[in-house]
Amino acid sequence: MDTELWYNASDVYEAWRLLLSAGAELGASPTFRYDLVDVTRQAAQQLVSEYYLSIRRAFQSHALPELLTAGGVLVYDLLPELDSLLSSHSLFLLGRWLESARAVATSDREAEQYELNARNQVTLWGPSGNILDYANKQLGGLVLDYYGVRWSLFVSALVESLNSGSPFHQDQFNQAVFQVERGFVYNKKRYPAVPAGDTLEISRKLFLKYYPSALRRGRAGPA
C-alpha cells in the first residue's frame, strides 16, 4: 500500500508530545480531549504504516522472526490500543455512528437497513467493495473488529507464504479478506454508543510505549 505522506510525520509526533505536556493543565477540557484523541490517532496511524513497512521488508527478505515480531506488535498491541483510545471519546465511536443511522428510521426494518448502509459506507461502499475504504473512518469498534481482522489475515497470509515457500497471491488474499469485510457489514453486532476509559491516560500510555521508537523510525526514514 502507499505510505507516502504530504507532511512531516515528525511534526505529528511533536504535536502529540506537546499536547500531552499540557494534560495537567487542560485535561478537563472537552475540546482538549477531542484534540488529544485526534492527534494521538494520527500518530498511531503513522505507526501502523511504519510497522507495515517493517512487515513488508521482513517478508521480502524472508526474515520470518522479524515478520512475526512486527506483525505481532501491530495486530496484538498497536491496533487494540488505538481502538481503546477511540472508544474513550463519544465522537470516535462506531456505536454512535450506527445509532445515529438507526435513529432516523420509522420502523425496525428500516433501522436495520439504515445500519447496514452506515456499515457499508465506512467499509465496502457497495455490495462488492465497489469503492473500498473510500469513506474509511477511525472509530472505536471499527479499528478492532474490521481493520484489525484484516491486518491479522494479511500477516497470517505472509507467514504462511514464508513457512510453505509458496508465493503470496494478492488476488487470493483479496477474495479472502472480502469475506471478512462483507461479514462485518452484515454481522449485526451491537457496539457501545457511550465512551469507556480515560482518554488522557490511554494516550499517555501509547506515548510512553511508542514515542521513542517513533522518533527513531522518523530519523531513519521510511527506507
Protein backbone atom coordinates (compact mmCIF):
# COMPACT_ATOMS: atom_id res chain seq x y z
CA MET A 1 0.00 0.00 0.00
CA ASP A 2 1.03 3.61 -0.44
CA THR A 3 2.54 5.00 2.77
CA GLU A 4 3.81 8.34 1.47
CA LEU A 5 2.79 11.46 3.41
CA TRP A 6 2.49 15.03 2.18
CA TYR A 7 3.62 16.36 5.56
CA ASN A 8 6.42 15.61 8.04
CA ALA A 9 5.49 12.69 10.26
CA SER A 10 7.75 14.10 12.97
CA ASP A 11 5.50 17.17 13.23
CA VAL A 12 2.59 14.99 14.34
CA TYR A 13 4.74 13.20 16.92
CA GLU A 14 5.90 16.58 18.28
CA ALA A 15 2.30 17.86 18.43
CA TRP A 16 1.42 14.69 20.34
CA ARG A 17 4.22 15.34 22.85
CA LEU A 18 3.22 18.96 23.33
CA LEU A 19 -0.46 18.16 23.81
CA LEU A 20 0.34 15.58 26.46
CA SER A 21 2.64 18.02 28.22
CA ALA A 22 -0.41 20.29 28.65
CA GLY A 23 -2.53 17.47 30.04
CA ALA A 24 -2.21 18.50 33.69
CA GLU A 25 -3.48 22.00 32.91
CA LEU A 26 -6.05 21.27 30.19
CA GLY A 27 -7.02 17.65 30.80
CA ALA A 28 -10.52 18.52 32.00
CA SER A 29 -11.35 20.44 28.81
CA PRO A 30 -13.62 18.54 26.38
CA THR A 31 -12.08 20.31 23.39
CA PHE A 32 -8.58 19.42 24.58
CA ARG A 33 -9.55 15.78 24.92
CA TYR A 34 -11.02 15.77 21.42
CA ASP A 35 -7.79 17.21 20.00
CA LEU A 36 -5.74 14.73 22.01
CA VAL A 37 -7.65 11.79 20.53
CA ASP A 38 -7.39 13.29 17.05
CA VAL A 39 -3.62 13.82 17.20
CA THR A 40 -2.92 10.53 19.01
CA ARG A 41 -4.91 8.54 16.46
CA GLN A 42 -2.99 10.21 13.64
CA ALA A 43 0.32 9.38 15.30
CA ALA A 44 -0.87 5.81 15.72
CA GLN A 45 -1.89 5.66 12.05
CA GLN A 46 1.62 6.73 11.09
CA LEU A 47 3.00 3.97 13.29
CA VAL A 48 0.70 1.48 11.55
CA SER A 49 2.25 2.49 8.22
CA GLU A 50 5.74 2.14 9.65
CA TYR A 51 5.03 -1.33 11.00
CA TYR A 52 3.60 -2.25 7.62
CA LEU A 53 6.89 -1.24 6.01
CA SER A 54 8.76 -3.40 8.54
CA ILE A 55 6.45 -6.31 7.77
CA ARG A 56 6.94 -5.87 4.04
CA ARG A 57 10.73 -5.68 4.35
CA ALA A 58 10.79 -8.78 6.53
CA PHE A 59 8.64 -10.71 4.06
CA GLN A 60 10.73 -9.64 1.07
CA SER A 61 13.90 -10.64 2.96
CA HIS A 62 12.38 -13.99 4.03
CA ALA A 63 13.02 -12.97 7.66
CA LEU A 64 10.27 -14.85 9.48
CA PRO A 65 11.22 -13.84 13.06
CA GLU A 66 11.21 -10.14 12.13
CA LEU A 67 7.89 -10.59 10.33
CA LEU A 68 6.35 -12.26 13.38
CA THR A 69 7.66 -9.54 15.68
CA ALA A 70 6.44 -6.57 13.64
CA GLY A 71 3.17 -8.28 12.76
CA GLY A 72 2.56 -9.26 16.37
CA VAL A 73 3.08 -5.72 17.66
CA LEU A 74 0.75 -4.31 15.01
CA VAL A 75 -2.07 -6.84 15.39
CA TYR A 76 -1.96 -7.58 19.12
CA ASP A 77 -0.71 -4.30 20.61
CA LEU A 78 -0.97 -1.17 18.49
CA LEU A 79 -4.36 -1.68 16.84
CA PRO A 80 -6.16 -2.78 20.06
CA GLU A 81 -4.62 0.19 21.89
CA LEU A 82 -5.73 2.55 19.14
CA ASP A 83 -9.23 1.08 19.39
CA SER A 84 -9.22 1.68 23.17
CA LEU A 85 -8.22 5.30 22.61
CA LEU A 86 -11.02 5.90 20.10
CA SER A 87 -13.51 4.14 22.36
CA SER A 88 -12.73 6.63 25.14
CA HIS A 89 -14.39 9.55 23.32
CA SER A 90 -18.03 9.77 22.27
CA LEU A 91 -17.23 11.37 18.89
CA PHE A 92 -14.98 8.48 17.81
CA LEU A 93 -17.39 5.60 18.43
CA LEU A 94 -18.69 3.22 15.79
CA GLY A 95 -21.71 2.63 18.03
CA ARG A 96 -22.60 6.31 17.92
CA TRP A 97 -22.34 6.31 14.10
CA LEU A 98 -24.64 3.29 13.85
CA GLU A 99 -27.12 4.56 16.42
CA SER A 100 -27.36 7.87 14.56
CA ALA A 101 -28.33 5.96 11.43
CA ARG A 102 -30.93 3.87 13.24
CA ALA A 103 -32.40 6.91 14.99
CA VAL A 104 -33.90 8.38 11.82
CA ALA A 105 -35.73 5.17 10.89
CA THR A 106 -39.52 4.88 11.16
CA SER A 107 -39.60 1.10 11.69
CA ASP A 108 -37.40 -1.75 12.92
CA ARG A 109 -36.94 -2.97 9.37
CA GLU A 110 -35.89 0.47 8.24
CA ALA A 111 -33.48 0.76 11.19
CA GLU A 112 -31.78 -2.47 10.15
CA GLN A 113 -31.42 -1.17 6.59
CA TYR A 114 -30.03 2.18 7.73
CA GLU A 115 -27.48 0.48 9.96
CA LEU A 116 -26.47 -1.79 7.09
CA ASN A 117 -25.96 1.27 4.91
CA ALA A 118 -23.95 3.01 7.63
CA ARG A 119 -21.67 -0.02 7.99
CA ASN A 120 -21.29 -0.28 4.23
CA GLN A 121 -20.46 3.39 3.83
CA VAL A 122 -17.36 3.24 6.07
CA THR A 123 -16.14 -0.11 4.69
CA LEU A 124 -17.05 -1.57 1.29
CA TRP A 125 -19.13 1.30 -0.11
CA GLY A 126 -21.03 -1.03 -2.41
CA PRO A 127 -22.08 -4.69 -2.44
CA SER A 128 -18.68 -5.94 -3.62
CA GLY A 129 -16.24 -3.32 -2.40
CA ASN A 130 -17.00 -1.01 -5.30
CA ILE A 131 -15.16 1.91 -3.67
CA LEU A 132 -13.43 0.01 -0.87
CA ASP A 133 -12.35 2.22 2.06
CA TYR A 134 -13.40 5.37 0.22
CA ALA A 135 -15.04 6.75 3.38
CA ASN A 136 -12.94 4.85 5.88
CA LYS A 137 -13.03 6.10 9.46
CA GLN A 138 -11.00 5.52 12.59
CA LEU A 139 -13.72 4.62 15.09
CA GLY A 140 -13.71 2.61 18.28
CA GLY A 141 -15.00 -0.86 17.39
CA LEU A 142 -14.27 -0.48 13.69
CA VAL A 143 -10.49 -0.50 14.18
CA LEU A 144 -10.54 -3.67 16.25
CA ASP A 145 -13.27 -5.71 14.53
CA TYR A 146 -12.70 -4.63 10.93
CA TYR A 147 -9.22 -3.26 10.31
CA GLY A 148 -7.64 -5.40 13.00
CA VAL A 149 -9.07 -8.59 11.50
CA ARG A 150 -7.94 -7.58 8.01
CA TRP A 151 -4.40 -6.89 9.24
CA SER A 152 -4.34 -10.19 11.10
CA LEU A 153 -5.36 -12.05 7.96
CA PHE A 154 -2.68 -10.23 5.96
CA VAL A 155 0.11 -11.05 8.41
CA SER A 156 -1.06 -14.67 8.65
CA ALA A 157 -1.03 -14.97 4.85
CA LEU A 158 2.56 -13.68 4.70
CA VAL A 159 3.68 -16.03 7.48
CA GLU A 160 2.05 -18.97 5.72
CA SER A 161 3.75 -17.96 2.48
CA LEU A 162 7.20 -18.00 4.10
CA ASN A 163 6.52 -21.21 6.00
CA SER A 164 5.30 -23.08 2.93
CA GLY A 165 7.62 -21.48 0.40
CA SER A 166 4.67 -20.57 -1.78
CA PRO A 167 4.26 -17.07 -3.26
CA PHE A 168 1.82 -14.54 -1.87
CA HIS A 169 -1.10 -14.17 -4.30
CA GLN A 170 -2.77 -10.77 -3.99
CA ASP A 171 -5.92 -11.87 -5.82
CA GLN A 172 -6.45 -14.83 -3.49
CA PHE A 173 -5.88 -12.63 -0.47
CA ASN A 174 -8.35 -10.05 -1.78
CA GLN A 175 -11.00 -12.76 -2.09
CA ALA A 176 -10.35 -13.98 1.44
CA VAL A 177 -10.35 -10.52 3.00
CA PHE A 178 -13.57 -9.63 1.17
CA GLN A 179 -15.32 -12.33 3.21
CA VAL A 180 -14.11 -10.58 6.37
CA GLU A 181 -15.26 -7.20 5.09
CA ARG A 182 -18.66 -8.43 3.97
CA GLY A 183 -19.10 -10.35 7.20
CA PHE A 184 -18.58 -7.17 9.19
CA VAL A 185 -21.21 -5.31 7.21
CA TYR A 186 -23.81 -7.99 7.91
CA ASN A 187 -22.89 -9.30 11.37
CA LYS A 188 -25.38 -7.09 13.33
CA LYS A 189 -23.06 -6.88 16.34
CA ARG A 190 -24.08 -4.12 18.72
CA TYR A 191 -21.43 -1.53 19.60
CA PRO A 192 -21.48 0.82 22.60
CA ALA A 193 -22.55 4.40 21.99
CA VAL A 194 -21.10 5.52 25.33
CA PRO A 195 -17.32 6.00 25.74
CA ALA A 196 -15.21 3.95 28.14
CA GLY A 197 -11.78 4.64 29.61
CA ASP A 198 -9.76 7.78 30.27
CA THR A 199 -8.53 9.47 27.08
CA LEU A 200 -5.58 11.18 28.75
CA GLU A 201 -4.39 8.02 30.45
CA ILE A 202 -4.69 5.90 27.29
CA SER A 203 -2.91 8.50 25.15
CA ARG A 204 -0.10 8.80 27.70
CA LYS A 205 0.32 5.02 27.78
CA LEU A 206 0.56 4.92 23.98
CA PHE A 207 3.03 7.79 24.01
CA LEU A 208 5.34 6.20 26.56
CA LYS A 209 5.26 2.92 24.67
CA TYR A 210 5.68 4.11 21.09
CA TYR A 211 7.10 7.64 21.04
CA PRO A 212 10.79 6.67 21.42
CA SER A 213 10.57 4.15 18.57
CA ALA A 214 8.58 6.66 16.51
CA LEU A 215 11.43 9.15 16.80
CA ARG A 216 14.00 6.52 15.81
CA ARG A 217 11.93 5.46 12.83
CA GLY A 218 11.40 9.09 11.82
CA ARG A 219 15.12 9.83 11.87
CA ALA A 220 15.89 6.66 9.94
CA GLY A 221 13.29 7.49 7.28
CA PRO A 222 10.89 5.09 5.57
CA ALA A 223 13.67 3.07 3.81
